[in-house]
Amino acid sequence: MFSSRVVGAAKSHGIDIMVTSPLDAIEKASSTEIRQVILDLSTPNLDVEALVPKLRESADVPLTIVAYGPHVQEAKLVNAQSAGCDQVLTRGQFNSQIDELLRSFASAK
């Protein structure tokens, strides 16, 4: 349900968005011009510390990587920051800032 809100908000800003698995994201980063990645730190078995470097290495263009997760899972938020995410937000921050974030993505096209 939350991803459908993000997809809807992205469409309202003229942004094509895809919801995908971490492994598929790495493949897509190497075969398309993905410029922004949003990681939900609640994704089961997500190893953000391994994923972020692989995404950056695979991408044909510089990436902006934003991660968000529950505020009570502080370790996941800290790990995302340590992994090199450009921005790490709690779920509440992400939810309240989604339009601003997507506007910045749209202007970076």
PDB file of N, CA and C in Angstrom:
ATOM      1  N   MET A   1       0.821  -1.196   0.000  1.00  0.00           N
ATOM      2  CA  MET A   1       0.000   0.000   0.000  1.00  0.00           C
ATOM      3  C   MET A   1       0.864   1.259   0.000  1.00  0.00           C
ATOM      4  N   PHE A   2       1.934   1.261   0.784  1.00  0.00           N
ATOM      5  CA  PHE A   2       2.795   2.432   0.843  1.00  0.00           C
ATOM      6  C   PHE A   2       3.461   2.679  -0.498  1.00  0.00           C
ATOM      7  N   SER A   3       3.891   1.605  -1.171  1.00  0.00           N
ATOM      8  CA  SER A   3       4.534   1.787  -2.473  1.00  0.00           C
ATOM      9  C   SER A   3       3.555   2.344  -3.494  1.00  0.00           C
ATOM     10  N   SER A   4       2.269   2.017  -3.380  1.00  0.00           N
ATOM     11  CA  SER A   4       1.303   2.576  -4.327  1.00  0.00           C
ATOM     12  C   SER A   4       1.166   4.078  -4.121  1.00  0.00           C
ATOM     13  N   ARG A   5       1.317   4.550  -2.892  1.00  0.00           N
ATOM     14  CA  ARG A   5       1.298   5.987  -2.627  1.00  0.00           C
ATOM     15  C   ARG A   5       2.501   6.656  -3.290  1.00  0.00           C
ATOM     16  N   VAL A   6       3.664   6.029  -3.191  1.00  0.00           N
ATOM     17  CA  VAL A   6       4.874   6.572  -3.808  1.00  0.00           C
ATOM     18  C   VAL A   6       4.737   6.584  -5.325  1.00  0.00           C
ATOM     19  N   VAL A   7       4.227   5.489  -5.888  1.00  0.00           N
ATOM     20  CA  VAL A   7       4.035   5.416  -7.340  1.00  0.00           C
ATOM     21  C   VAL A   7       3.073   6.505  -7.797  1.00  0.00           C
ATOM     22  N   GLY A   8       1.975   6.693  -7.083  1.00  0.00           N
ATOM     23  CA  GLY A   8       1.007   7.734  -7.426  1.00  0.00           C
ATOM     24  C   GLY A   8       1.606   9.117  -7.353  1.00  0.00           C
ATOM     25  N   ALA A   9       2.380   9.376  -6.303  1.00  0.00           N
ATOM     26  CA  ALA A   9       3.026  10.687  -6.153  1.00  0.00           C
ATOM     27  C   ALA A   9       4.047  10.904  -7.270  1.00  0.00           C
ATOM     28  N   ALA A  10       4.786   9.863  -7.620  1.00  0.00           N
ATOM     29  CA  ALA A  10       5.773   9.978  -8.697  1.00  0.00           C
ATOM     30  C   ALA A  10       5.102  10.318 -10.015  1.00  0.00           C
ATOM     31  N   LYS A  11       4.007   9.644 -10.319  1.00  0.00           N
ATOM     32  CA  LYS A  11       3.290   9.919 -11.567  1.00  0.00           C
ATOM     33  C   LYS A  11       2.798  11.355 -11.609  1.00  0.00           C
ATOM     34  N   SER A  12       2.384  11.888 -10.462  1.00  0.00           N
ATOM     35  CA  SER A  12       1.901  13.271 -10.445  1.00  0.00           C
ATOM     36  C   SER A  12       3.023  14.270 -10.729  1.00  0.00           C
ATOM     37  N   HIS A  13       4.274  13.830 -10.557  1.00  0.00           N
ATOM     38  CA  HIS A  13       5.432  14.682 -10.851  1.00  0.00           C
ATOM     39  C   HIS A  13       6.075  14.319 -12.186  1.00  0.00           C
ATOM     40  N   GLY A  14       5.422  13.428 -12.948  1.00  0.00           N
ATOM     41  CA  GLY A  14       5.952  13.045 -14.255  1.00  0.00           C
ATOM     42  C   GLY A  14       7.156  12.128 -14.185  1.00  0.00           C
ATOM     43  N   ILE A  15       7.262  11.370 -13.113  1.00  0.00           N
ATOM     44  CA  ILE A  15       8.402  10.480 -12.926  1.00  0.00           C
ATOM     45  C   ILE A  15       7.960   9.042 -13.129  1.00  0.00           C
ATOM     46  N   ASP A  16       8.699   8.316 -13.957  1.00  0.00           N
ATOM     47  CA  ASP A  16       8.466   6.879 -14.092  1.00  0.00           C
ATOM     48  C   ASP A  16       9.149   6.206 -12.914  1.00  0.00           C
ATOM     49  N   ILE A  17       8.436   5.318 -12.262  1.00  0.00           N
ATOM     50  CA  ILE A  17       8.985   4.643 -11.092  1.00  0.00           C
ATOM     51  C   ILE A  17       8.716   3.157 -11.225  1.00  0.00           C
ATOM     52  N   MET A  18       9.656   2.361 -10.762  1.00  0.00           N
ATOM     53  CA  MET A  18       9.439   0.922 -10.755  1.00  0.00           C
ATOM     54  C   MET A  18       9.726   0.405  -9.360  1.00  0.00           C
ATOM     55  N   VAL A  19       8.922  -0.542  -8.940  1.00  0.00           N
ATOM     56  CA  VAL A  19       9.122  -1.202  -7.662  1.00  0.00           C
ATOM     57  C   VAL A  19       9.763  -2.539  -7.995  1.00  0.00           C
ATOM     58  N   THR A  20      10.917  -2.799  -7.387  1.00  0.00           N
ATOM     59  CA  THR A  20      11.681  -3.967  -7.779  1.00  0.00           C
ATOM     60  C   THR A  20      12.430  -4.548  -6.593  1.00  0.00           C
ATOM     61  N   SER A  21      12.976  -5.722  -6.785  1.00  0.00           N
ATOM     62  CA  SER A  21      13.789  -6.364  -5.749  1.00  0.00           C
ATOM     63  C   SER A  21      15.197  -5.766  -5.776  1.00  0.00           C
ATOM     64  N   PRO A  22      15.952  -5.928  -4.684  1.00  0.00           N
ATOM     65  CA  PRO A  22      17.327  -5.407  -4.679  1.00  0.00           C
ATOM     66  C   PRO A  22      18.196  -5.961  -5.809  1.00  0.00           C
ATOM     67  N   LEU A  23      18.121  -7.255  -6.069  1.00  0.00           N
ATOM     68  CA  LEU A  23      18.943  -7.828  -7.143  1.00  0.00           C
ATOM     69  C   LEU A  23      18.531  -7.300  -8.507  1.00  0.00           C
ATOM     70  N   ASP A  24      17.246  -7.159  -8.725  1.00  0.00           N
ATOM     71  CA  ASP A  24      16.759  -6.612  -9.987  1.00  0.00           C
ATOM     72  C   ASP A  24      17.180  -5.147 -10.134  1.00  0.00           C
ATOM     73  N   ALA A  25      17.238  -4.423  -9.025  1.00  0.00           N
ATOM     74  CA  ALA A  25      17.657  -3.018  -9.075  1.00  0.00           C
ATOM     75  C   ALA A  25      19.096  -2.889  -9.561  1.00  0.00           C
ATOM     76  N   ILE A  26      19.958  -3.795  -9.120  1.00  0.00           N
ATOM     77  CA  ILE A  26      21.358  -3.771  -9.566  1.00  0.00           C
ATOM     78  C   ILE A  26      21.421  -4.004 -11.071  1.00  0.00           C
ATOM     79  N   GLU A  27      20.666  -4.982 -11.550  1.00  0.00           N
ATOM     80  CA  GLU A  27      20.648  -5.273 -12.985  1.00  0.00           C
ATOM     81  C   GLU A  27      20.111  -4.083 -13.778  1.00  0.00           C
ATOM     82  N   LYS A  28      19.040  -3.484 -13.301  1.00  0.00           N
ATOM     83  CA  LYS A  28      18.447  -2.348 -14.005  1.00  0.00           C
ATOM     84  C   LYS A  28      19.378  -1.136 -13.984  1.00  0.00           C
ATOM     85  N   ALA A  29      20.111  -0.949 -12.896  1.00  0.00           N
ATOM     86  CA  ALA A  29      21.041   0.182 -12.807  1.00  0.00           C
ATOM     87  C   ALA A  29      22.139   0.067 -13.854  1.00  0.00           C
ATOM     88  N   SER A  30      22.504  -1.161 -14.202  1.00  0.00           N
ATOM     89  CA  SER A  30      23.567  -1.335 -15.188  1.00  0.00           C
ATOM     90  C   SER A  30      23.043  -1.312 -16.622  1.00  0.00           C
ATOM     91  N   SER A  31      21.739  -1.475 -16.793  1.00  0.00           N
ATOM     92  CA  SER A  31      21.218  -1.547 -18.161  1.00  0.00           C
ATOM     93  C   SER A  31      20.334  -0.364 -18.545  1.00  0.00           C
ATOM     94  N   THR A  32      20.041   0.521 -17.617  1.00  0.00           N
ATOM     95  CA  THR A  32      19.220   1.693 -17.903  1.00  0.00           C
ATOM     96  C   THR A  32      19.832   2.911 -17.217  1.00  0.00           C
ATOM     97  N   GLU A  33      19.272   4.036 -17.507  1.00  0.00           N
ATOM     98  CA  GLU A  33      19.780   5.256 -16.888  1.00  0.00           C
ATOM     99  C   GLU A  33      18.960   5.626 -15.658  1.00  0.00           C
ATOM    100  N   ILE A  34      18.969   4.744 -14.683  1.00  0.00           N
ATOM    101  CA  ILE A  34      18.339   5.039 -13.396  1.00  0.00           C
ATOM    102  C   ILE A  34      19.194   6.098 -12.710  1.00  0.00           C
ATOM    103  N   ARG A  35      18.562   7.123 -12.181  1.00  0.00           N
ATOM    104  CA  ARG A  35      19.306   8.198 -11.519  1.00  0.00           C
ATOM    105  C   ARG A  35      19.006   8.308 -10.040  1.00  0.00           C
ATOM    106  N   GLN A  36      17.858   7.789  -9.631  1.00  0.00           N
ATOM    107  CA  GLN A  36      17.475   7.845  -8.234  1.00  0.00           C
ATOM    108  C   GLN A  36      16.978   6.474  -7.794  1.00  0.00           C
ATOM    109  N   VAL A  37      17.320   6.137  -6.561  1.00  0.00           N
ATOM    110  CA  VAL A  37      16.877   4.874  -5.983  1.00  0.00           C
ATOM    111  C   VAL A  37      16.323   5.184  -4.598  1.00  0.00           C
ATOM    112  N   ILE A  38      15.160   4.625  -4.309  1.00  0.00           N
ATOM    113  CA  ILE A  38      14.563   4.735  -2.982  1.00  0.00           C
ATOM    114  C   ILE A  38      14.549   3.337  -2.386  1.00  0.00           C
ATOM    115  N   LEU A  39      15.171   3.188  -1.226  1.00  0.00           N
ATOM    116  CA  LEU A  39      15.239   1.896  -0.557  1.00  0.00           C
ATOM    117  C   LEU A  39      14.349   1.897   0.676  1.00  0.00           C
ATOM    118  N   ASP A  40      13.482   0.916   0.763  1.00  0.00           N
ATOM    119  CA  ASP A  40      12.666   0.706   1.951  1.00  0.00           C
ATOM    120  C   ASP A  40      13.447  -0.251   2.847  1.00  0.00           C
ATOM    121  N   LEU A  41      13.940   0.259   3.958  1.00  0.00           N
ATOM    122  CA  LEU A  41      14.774  -0.542   4.843  1.00  0.00           C
ATOM    123  C   LEU A  41      14.000  -1.652   5.542  1.00  0.00           C
ATOM    124  N   SER A  42      12.688  -1.675   5.381  1.00  0.00           N
ATOM    125  CA  SER A  42      11.856  -2.744   5.944  1.00  0.00           C
ATOM    126  C   SER A  42      11.777  -3.956   5.020  1.00  0.00           C
ATOM    127  N   THR A  43      12.376  -3.865   3.846  1.00  0.00           N
ATOM    128  CA  THR A  43      12.372  -4.972   2.899  1.00  0.00           C
ATOM    129  C   THR A  43      13.066  -6.177   3.542  1.00  0.00           C
ATOM    130  N   PRO A  44      12.390  -7.333   3.576  1.00  0.00           N
ATOM    131  CA  PRO A  44      13.003  -8.515   4.187  1.00  0.00           C
ATOM    132  C   PRO A  44      14.338  -8.867   3.531  1.00  0.00           C
ATOM    133  N   ASN A  45      15.300  -9.209   4.355  1.00  0.00           N
ATOM    134  CA  ASN A  45      16.634  -9.657   3.930  1.00  0.00           C
ATOM    135  C   ASN A  45      17.417  -8.609   3.141  1.00  0.00           C
ATOM    136  N   LEU A  46      17.064  -7.346   3.265  1.00  0.00           N
ATOM    137  CA  LEU A  46      17.797  -6.293   2.564  1.00  0.00           C
ATOM    138  C   LEU A  46      19.135  -6.064   3.267  1.00  0.00           C
ATOM    139  N   ASP A  47      20.213  -6.212   2.534  1.00  0.00           N
ATOM    140  CA  ASP A  47      21.555  -5.938   3.045  1.00  0.00           C
ATOM    141  C   ASP A  47      22.013  -4.621   2.419  1.00  0.00           C
ATOM    142  N   VAL A  48      21.615  -3.532   3.053  1.00  0.00           N
ATOM    143  CA  VAL A  48      21.875  -2.207   2.495  1.00  0.00           C
ATOM    144  C   VAL A  48      23.371  -1.939   2.368  1.00  0.00           C
ATOM    145  N   GLU A  49      24.162  -2.493   3.282  1.00  0.00           N
ATOM    146  CA  GLU A  49      25.609  -2.259   3.235  1.00  0.00           C
ATOM    147  C   GLU A  49      26.267  -2.936   2.029  1.00  0.00           C
ATOM    148  N   ALA A  50      25.666  -3.983   1.525  1.00  0.00           N
ATOM    149  CA  ALA A  50      26.169  -4.629   0.301  1.00  0.00           C
ATOM    150  C   ALA A  50      25.518  -4.035  -0.939  1.00  0.00           C
ATOM    151  N   LEU A  51      24.238  -3.691  -0.829  1.00  0.00           N
ATOM    152  CA  LEU A  51      23.483  -3.219  -1.991  1.00  0.00           C
ATOM    153  C   LEU A  51      23.945  -1.851  -2.503  1.00  0.00           C
ATOM    154  N   VAL A  52      24.136  -0.903  -1.613  1.00  0.00           N
ATOM    155  CA  VAL A  52      24.452   0.465  -2.045  1.00  0.00           C
ATOM    156  C   VAL A  52      25.743   0.513  -2.876  1.00  0.00           C
ATOM    157  N   PRO A  53      26.835  -0.084  -2.422  1.00  0.00           N
ATOM    158  CA  PRO A  53      28.044  -0.068  -3.273  1.00  0.00           C
ATOM    159  C   PRO A  53      27.839  -0.763  -4.623  1.00  0.00           C
ATOM    160  N   LYS A  54      27.079  -1.862  -4.635  1.00  0.00           N
ATOM    161  CA  LYS A  54      26.826  -2.562  -5.900  1.00  0.00           C
ATOM    162  C   LYS A  54      26.004  -1.699  -6.847  1.00  0.00           C
ATOM    163  N   LEU A  55      25.015  -0.989  -6.305  1.00  0.00           N
ATOM    164  CA  LEU A  55      24.221  -0.088  -7.146  1.00  0.00           C
ATOM    165  C   LEU A  55      25.108   0.985  -7.759  1.00  0.00           C
ATOM    166  N   ARG A  56      25.946   1.585  -6.946  1.00  0.00           N
ATOM    167  CA  ARG A  56      26.822   2.660  -7.448  1.00  0.00           C
ATOM    168  C   ARG A  56      27.808   2.145  -8.493  1.00  0.00           C
ATOM    169  N   GLU A  57      28.355   0.953  -8.265  1.00  0.00           N
ATOM    170  CA  GLU A  57      29.301   0.367  -9.227  1.00  0.00           C
ATOM    171  C   GLU A  57      28.617   0.007 -10.544  1.00  0.00           C
ATOM    172  N   SER A  58      27.371  -0.442 -10.467  1.00  0.00           N
ATOM    173  CA  SER A  58      26.646  -0.905 -11.649  1.00  0.00           C
ATOM    174  C   SER A  58      26.072   0.215 -12.498  1.00  0.00           C
ATOM    175  N   ALA A  59      25.800   1.342 -11.882  1.00  0.00           N
ATOM    176  CA  ALA A  59      25.079   2.419 -12.567  1.00  0.00           C
ATOM    177  C   ALA A  59      25.930   3.076 -13.641  1.00  0.00           C
ATOM    178  N   ASP A  60      25.256   3.428 -14.739  1.00  0.00           N
ATOM    179  CA  ASP A  60      25.917   4.135 -15.839  1.00  0.00           C
ATOM    180  C   ASP A  60      26.031   5.638 -15.561  1.00  0.00           C
ATOM    181  N   VAL A  61      25.215   6.126 -14.639  1.00  0.00           N
ATOM    182  CA  VAL A  61      25.212   7.547 -14.276  1.00  0.00           C
ATOM    183  C   VAL A  61      25.255   7.654 -12.752  1.00  0.00           C
ATOM    184  N   PRO A  62      25.671   8.809 -12.219  1.00  0.00           N
ATOM    185  CA  PRO A  62      25.657   8.969 -10.758  1.00  0.00           C
ATOM    186  C   PRO A  62      24.243   8.787 -10.197  1.00  0.00           C
ATOM    187  N   LEU A  63      24.159   8.105  -9.081  1.00  0.00           N
ATOM    188  CA  LEU A  63      22.874   7.837  -8.443  1.00  0.00           C
ATOM    189  C   LEU A  63      22.669   8.688  -7.202  1.00  0.00           C
ATOM    190  N   THR A  64      21.423   9.031  -6.953  1.00  0.00           N
ATOM    191  CA  THR A  64      21.006   9.565  -5.665  1.00  0.00           C
ATOM    192  C   THR A  64      20.252   8.434  -4.991  1.00  0.00           C
ATOM    193  N   ILE A  65      20.726   8.022  -3.820  1.00  0.00           N
ATOM    194  CA  ILE A  65      20.102   6.910  -3.111  1.00  0.00           C
ATOM    195  C   ILE A  65      19.509   7.425  -1.805  1.00  0.00           C
ATOM    196  N   VAL A  66      18.199   7.237  -1.678  1.00  0.00           N
ATOM    197  CA  VAL A  66      17.463   7.632  -0.482  1.00  0.00           C
ATOM    198  C   VAL A  66      16.941   6.363   0.176  1.00  0.00           C
ATOM    199  N   ALA A  67      17.143   6.255   1.486  1.00  0.00           N
ATOM    200  CA  ALA A  67      16.640   5.105   2.230  1.00  0.00           C
ATOM    201  C   ALA A  67      15.706   5.607   3.322  1.00  0.00           C
ATOM    202  N   TYR A  68      14.687   4.800   3.612  1.00  0.00           N
ATOM    203  CA  TYR A  68      13.786   5.147   4.706  1.00  0.00           C
ATOM    204  C   TYR A  68      13.391   3.882   5.452  1.00  0.00           C
ATOM    205  N   GLY A  69      13.084   4.053   6.724  1.00  0.00           N
ATOM    206  CA  GLY A  69      12.666   2.912   7.529  1.00  0.00           C
ATOM    207  C   GLY A  69      12.030   3.376   8.824  1.00  0.00           C
ATOM    208  N   PRO A  70      11.516   2.439   9.595  1.00  0.00           N
ATOM    209  CA  PRO A  70      10.870   2.776  10.857  1.00  0.00           C
ATOM    210  C   PRO A  70      11.840   3.447  11.832  1.00  0.00           C
ATOM    211  N   HIS A  71      11.353   4.471  12.519  1.00  0.00           N
ATOM    212  CA  HIS A  71      12.225   5.202  13.451  1.00  0.00           C
ATOM    213  C   HIS A  71      12.713   4.325  14.599  1.00  0.00           C
ATOM    214  N   VAL A  72      11.993   3.270  14.903  1.00  0.00           N
ATOM    215  CA  VAL A  72      12.397   2.385  16.002  1.00  0.00           C
ATOM    216  C   VAL A  72      13.514   1.423  15.602  1.00  0.00           C
ATOM    217  N   GLN A  73      13.810   1.339  14.323  1.00  0.00           N
ATOM    218  CA  GLN A  73      14.888   0.472  13.853  1.00  0.00           C
ATOM    219  C   GLN A  73      16.127   1.314  13.553  1.00  0.00           C
ATOM    220  N   GLU A  74      16.649   1.920  14.613  1.00  0.00           N
ATOM    221  CA  GLU A  74      17.774   2.850  14.479  1.00  0.00           C
ATOM    222  C   GLU A  74      18.983   2.226  13.820  1.00  0.00           C
ATOM    223  N   ALA A  75      19.262   0.973  14.108  1.00  0.00           N
ATOM    224  CA  ALA A  75      20.440   0.324  13.521  1.00  0.00           C
ATOM    225  C   ALA A  75      20.350   0.279  11.998  1.00  0.00           C
ATOM    226  N   LYS A  76      19.163   0.019  11.468  1.00  0.00           N
ATOM    227  CA  LYS A  76      18.995  -0.002  10.016  1.00  0.00           C
ATOM    228  C   LYS A  76      19.229   1.383   9.419  1.00  0.00           C
ATOM    229  N   LEU A  77      18.761   2.411  10.101  1.00  0.00           N
ATOM    230  CA  LEU A  77      18.965   3.783   9.615  1.00  0.00           C
ATOM    231  C   LEU A  77      20.451   4.140   9.631  1.00  0.00           C
ATOM    232  N   VAL A  78      21.125   3.777  10.706  1.00  0.00           N
ATOM    233  CA  VAL A  78      22.570   4.048  10.823  1.00  0.00           C
ATOM    234  C   VAL A  78      23.339   3.264   9.769  1.00  0.00           C
ATOM    235  N   ASN A  79      22.974   1.999   9.546  1.00  0.00           N
ATOM    236  CA  ASN A  79      23.651   1.185   8.529  1.00  0.00           C
ATOM    237  C   ASN A  79      23.479   1.776   7.132  1.00  0.00           C
ATOM    238  N   ALA A  80      22.303   2.310   6.855  1.00  0.00           N
ATOM    239  CA  ALA A  80      22.063   2.923   5.545  1.00  0.00           C
ATOM    240  C   ALA A  80      22.947   4.146   5.357  1.00  0.00           C
ATOM    241  N   GLN A  81      23.086   4.936   6.402  1.00  0.00           N
ATOM    242  CA  GLN A  81      23.963   6.105   6.337  1.00  0.00           C
ATOM    243  C   GLN A  81      25.411   5.664   6.114  1.00  0.00           C
ATOM    244  N   SER A  82      25.837   4.653   6.877  1.00  0.00           N
ATOM    245  CA  SER A  82      27.206   4.137   6.744  1.00  0.00           C
ATOM    246  C   SER A  82      27.464   3.526   5.370  1.00  0.00           C
ATOM    247  N   ALA A  83      26.426   2.956   4.777  1.00  0.00           N
ATOM    248  CA  ALA A  83      26.560   2.317   3.464  1.00  0.00           C
ATOM    249  C   ALA A  83      26.741   3.329   2.345  1.00  0.00           C
ATOM    250  N   GLY A  84      26.436   4.601   2.627  1.00  0.00           N
ATOM    251  CA  GLY A  84      26.637   5.632   1.616  1.00  0.00           C
ATOM    252  C   GLY A  84      25.373   6.179   0.987  1.00  0.00           C
ATOM    253  N   CYS A  85      24.230   5.937   1.607  1.00  0.00           N
ATOM    254  CA  CYS A  85      23.001   6.535   1.087  1.00  0.00           C
ATOM    255  C   CYS A  85      23.111   8.055   1.190  1.00  0.00           C
ATOM    256  N   ASP A  86      22.606   8.734   0.195  1.00  0.00           N
ATOM    257  CA  ASP A  86      22.676  10.194   0.183  1.00  0.00           C
ATOM    258  C   ASP A  86      21.762  10.826   1.218  1.00  0.00           C
ATOM    259  N   GLN A  87      20.658  10.161   1.484  1.00  0.00           N
ATOM    260  CA  GLN A  87      19.694  10.674   2.451  1.00  0.00           C
ATOM    261  C   GLN A  87      19.050   9.478   3.142  1.00  0.00           C
ATOM    262  N   VAL A  88      18.929   9.554   4.466  1.00  0.00           N
ATOM    263  CA  VAL A  88      18.291   8.503   5.244  1.00  0.00           C
ATOM    264  C   VAL A  88      17.204   9.151   6.083  1.00  0.00           C
ATOM    265  N   LEU A  89      15.992   8.631   5.938  1.00  0.00           N
ATOM    266  CA  LEU A  89      14.833   9.224   6.604  1.00  0.00           C
ATOM    267  C   LEU A  89      14.065   8.164   7.379  1.00  0.00           C
ATOM    268  N   THR A  90      13.397   8.602   8.433  1.00  0.00           N
ATOM    269  CA  THR A  90      12.439   7.701   9.061  1.00  0.00           C
ATOM    270  C   THR A  90      11.235   7.597   8.139  1.00  0.00           C
ATOM    271  N   ARG A  91      10.409   6.597   8.361  1.00  0.00           N
ATOM    272  CA  ARG A  91       9.217   6.431   7.524  1.00  0.00           C
ATOM    273  C   ARG A  91       8.337   7.673   7.604  1.00  0.00           C
ATOM    274  N   GLY A  92       8.198   8.235   8.796  1.00  0.00           N
ATOM    275  CA  GLY A  92       7.378   9.437   8.954  1.00  0.00           C
ATOM    276  C   GLY A  92       7.940  10.623   8.185  1.00  0.00           C
ATOM    277  N   GLN A  93       9.268  10.804   8.238  1.00  0.00           N
ATOM    278  CA  GLN A  93       9.906  11.884   7.483  1.00  0.00           C
ATOM    279  C   GLN A  93       9.712  11.665   5.986  1.00  0.00           C
ATOM    280  N   PHE A  94       9.917  10.427   5.553  1.00  0.00           N
ATOM    281  CA  PHE A  94       9.756  10.102   4.136  1.00  0.00           C
ATOM    282  C   PHE A  94       8.330  10.405   3.684  1.00  0.00           C
ATOM    283  N   ASN A  95       7.376   9.975   4.469  1.00  0.00           N
ATOM    284  CA  ASN A  95       5.973  10.184   4.124  1.00  0.00           C
ATOM    285  C   ASN A  95       5.637  11.669   4.032  1.00  0.00           C
ATOM    286  N   SER A  96       6.159  12.462   4.953  1.00  0.00           N
ATOM    287  CA  SER A  96       5.846  13.894   4.933  1.00  0.00           C
ATOM    288  C   SER A  96       6.641  14.663   3.879  1.00  0.00           C
ATOM    289  N   GLN A  97       7.767  14.107   3.423  1.00  0.00           N
ATOM    290  CA  GLN A  97       8.629  14.806   2.467  1.00  0.00           C
ATOM    291  C   GLN A  97       8.581  14.223   1.062  1.00  0.00           C
ATOM    292  N   ILE A  98       7.702  13.252   0.815  1.00  0.00           N
ATOM    293  CA  ILE A  98       7.715  12.552  -0.463  1.00  0.00           C
ATOM    294  C   ILE A  98       7.514  13.494  -1.652  1.00  0.00           C
ATOM    295  N   ASP A  99       6.607  14.436  -1.531  1.00  0.00           N
ATOM    296  CA  ASP A  99       6.389  15.346  -2.660  1.00  0.00           C
ATOM    297  C   ASP A  99       7.617  16.211  -2.932  1.00  0.00           C
ATOM    298  N   GLU A 100       8.226  16.722  -1.894  1.00  0.00           N
ATOM    299  CA  GLU A 100       9.442  17.537  -2.050  1.00  0.00           C
ATOM    300  C   GLU A 100      10.570  16.699  -2.654  1.00  0.00           C
ATOM    301  N   LEU A 101      10.727  15.482  -2.170  1.00  0.00           N
ATOM    302  CA  LEU A 101      11.764  14.588  -2.675  1.00  0.00           C
ATOM    303  C   LEU A 101      11.549  14.288  -4.159  1.00  0.00           C
ATOM    304  N   LEU A 102      10.334  13.967  -4.519  1.00  0.00           N
ATOM    305  CA  LEU A 102      10.040  13.654  -5.919  1.00  0.00           C
ATOM    306  C   LEU A 102      10.162  14.875  -6.817  1.00  0.00           C
ATOM    307  N   ARG A 103       9.822  16.035  -6.297  1.00  0.00           N
ATOM    308  CA  ARG A 103      10.027  17.274  -7.072  1.00  0.00           C
ATOM    309  C   ARG A 103      11.509  17.463  -7.381  1.00  0.00           C
ATOM    310  N   SER A 104      12.366  17.178  -6.383  1.00  0.00           N
ATOM    311  CA  SER A 104      13.808  17.312  -6.626  1.00  0.00           C
ATOM    312  C   SER A 104      14.290  16.271  -7.632  1.00  0.00           C
ATOM    313  N   PHE A 105      13.714  15.066  -7.598  1.00  0.00           N
ATOM    314  CA  PHE A 105      14.059  14.048  -8.592  1.00  0.00           C
ATOM    315  C   PHE A 105      13.644  14.506  -9.981  1.00  0.00           C
ATOM    316  N   ALA A 106      12.446  15.066 -10.091  1.00  0.00           N
ATOM    317  CA  ALA A 106      11.944  15.514 -11.396  1.00  0.00           C
ATOM    318  C   ALA A 106      12.814  16.617 -11.978  1.00  0.00           C
ATOM    319  N   SER A 107      13.296  17.506 -11.133  1.00  0.00           N
ATOM    320  CA  SER A 107      14.118  18.609 -11.635  1.00  0.00           C
ATOM    321  C   SER A 107      15.526  18.136 -12.002  1.00  0.00           C
ATOM    322  N   ALA A 108      15.927  16.959 -11.533  1.00  0.00           N
ATOM    323  CA  ALA A 108      17.265  16.442 -11.831  1.00  0.00           C
ATOM    324  C   ALA A 108      17.289  15.586 -13.091  1.00  0.00           C
ATOM    325  N   LYS A 109      16.156  15.415 -13.754  1.00  0.00           N
ATOM    326  CA  LYS A 109      16.092  14.573 -14.964  1.00  0.00           C
ATOM    327  C   LYS A 109      17.105  14.954 -15.987  1.00  0.00           C
TER     328      LYS A 109
END
